[in-house]
Amino acid sequence: MGDNHYRRYVEHRRRTHPGEPILSEREYWRMRHAAAESNPQSRCC
């Protein structure tokens, strides 16, 4: 449940935005949670 999201994010950034900064894992999850809170959608939990 989300264990590979950050890894996929890093791979995407390296492939499509080479040389640009990559968020730390902590920053990534903060961004994801903030986005989910500001734009609620139906979810299972």
C-alpha atoms as a PDB file:
ATOM      1  CA  MET A   1       0.000   0.000   0.000  1.00  0.00           C
ATOM      2  CA  GLY A   2       2.093   2.852  -1.279  1.00  0.00           C
ATOM      3  CA  ASP A   3       5.426   1.259  -0.502  1.00  0.00           C
ATOM      4  CA  ASN A   4       6.730   1.861  -4.022  1.00  0.00           C
ATOM      5  CA  HIS A   5       5.224   5.320  -4.639  1.00  0.00           C
ATOM      6  CA  TYR A   6       8.323   7.237  -3.632  1.00  0.00           C
ATOM      7  CA  ARG A   7      10.610   4.966  -5.657  1.00  0.00           C
ATOM      8  CA  ARG A   8       8.402   5.458  -8.722  1.00  0.00           C
ATOM      9  CA  TYR A   9       8.396   9.227  -8.133  1.00  0.00           C
ATOM     10  CA  VAL A  10      12.219   9.291  -8.033  1.00  0.00           C
ATOM     11  CA  GLU A  11      12.476   7.182 -11.188  1.00  0.00           C
ATOM     12  CA  HIS A  12      10.018   9.469 -12.978  1.00  0.00           C
ATOM     13  CA  ARG A  13      11.850  12.641 -11.923  1.00  0.00           C
ATOM     14  CA  ARG A  14      15.214  11.262 -13.033  1.00  0.00           C
ATOM     15  CA  ARG A  15      13.827  10.121 -16.374  1.00  0.00           C
ATOM     16  CA  THR A  16      11.671  13.132 -17.281  1.00  0.00           C
ATOM     17  CA  HIS A  17      13.345  15.981 -15.366  1.00  0.00           C
ATOM     18  CA  PRO A  18      17.087  15.214 -15.295  1.00  0.00           C
ATOM     19  CA  GLY A  19      19.170  17.628 -13.279  1.00  0.00           C
ATOM     20  CA  GLU A  20      16.186  19.029 -11.380  1.00  0.00           C
ATOM     21  CA  PRO A  21      15.894  18.591  -7.612  1.00  0.00           C
ATOM     22  CA  ILE A  22      14.122  15.545  -6.203  1.00  0.00           C
ATOM     23  CA  LEU A  23      12.118  15.806  -3.009  1.00  0.00           C
ATOM     24  CA  SER A  24      13.331  13.817  -0.044  1.00  0.00           C
ATOM     25  CA  GLU A  25      11.058  10.949   0.939  1.00  0.00           C
ATOM     26  CA  ARG A  26       9.785  12.960   3.881  1.00  0.00           C
ATOM     27  CA  GLU A  27       9.012  15.987   1.661  1.00  0.00           C
ATOM     28  CA  TYR A  28       7.334  13.724  -0.887  1.00  0.00           C
ATOM     29  CA  TRP A  29       4.946  12.229   1.653  1.00  0.00           C
ATOM     30  CA  ARG A  30       4.161  15.656   3.125  1.00  0.00           C
ATOM     31  CA  MET A  31       3.260  16.860  -0.376  1.00  0.00           C
ATOM     32  CA  ARG A  32       1.094  13.782  -1.031  1.00  0.00           C
ATOM     33  CA  HIS A  33      -0.787  14.112   2.265  1.00  0.00           C
ATOM     34  CA  ALA A  34      -1.281  17.866   1.816  1.00  0.00           C
ATOM     35  CA  ALA A  35      -2.663  17.290  -1.691  1.00  0.00           C
ATOM     36  CA  ALA A  36      -5.038  14.608  -0.422  1.00  0.00           C
ATOM     37  CA  GLU A  37      -6.272  16.884   2.357  1.00  0.00           C
ATOM     38  CA  SER A  38      -6.789  19.893   0.086  1.00  0.00           C
ATOM     39  CA  ASN A  39      -8.528  17.849  -2.621  1.00  0.00           C
ATOM     40  CA  PRO A  40     -10.516  15.101  -0.884  1.00  0.00           C
ATOM     41  CA  GLN A  41     -11.819  12.267  -3.032  1.00  0.00           C
ATOM     42  CA  SER A  42     -13.630   9.127  -2.096  1.00  0.00           C
ATOM     43  CA  ARG A  43     -11.273   6.564  -0.625  1.00  0.00           C
ATOM     44  CA  CYS A  44     -11.596   3.357   1.288  1.00  0.00           C
ATOM     45  CA  CYS A  45     -10.257   4.574   4.654  1.00  0.00           C
END
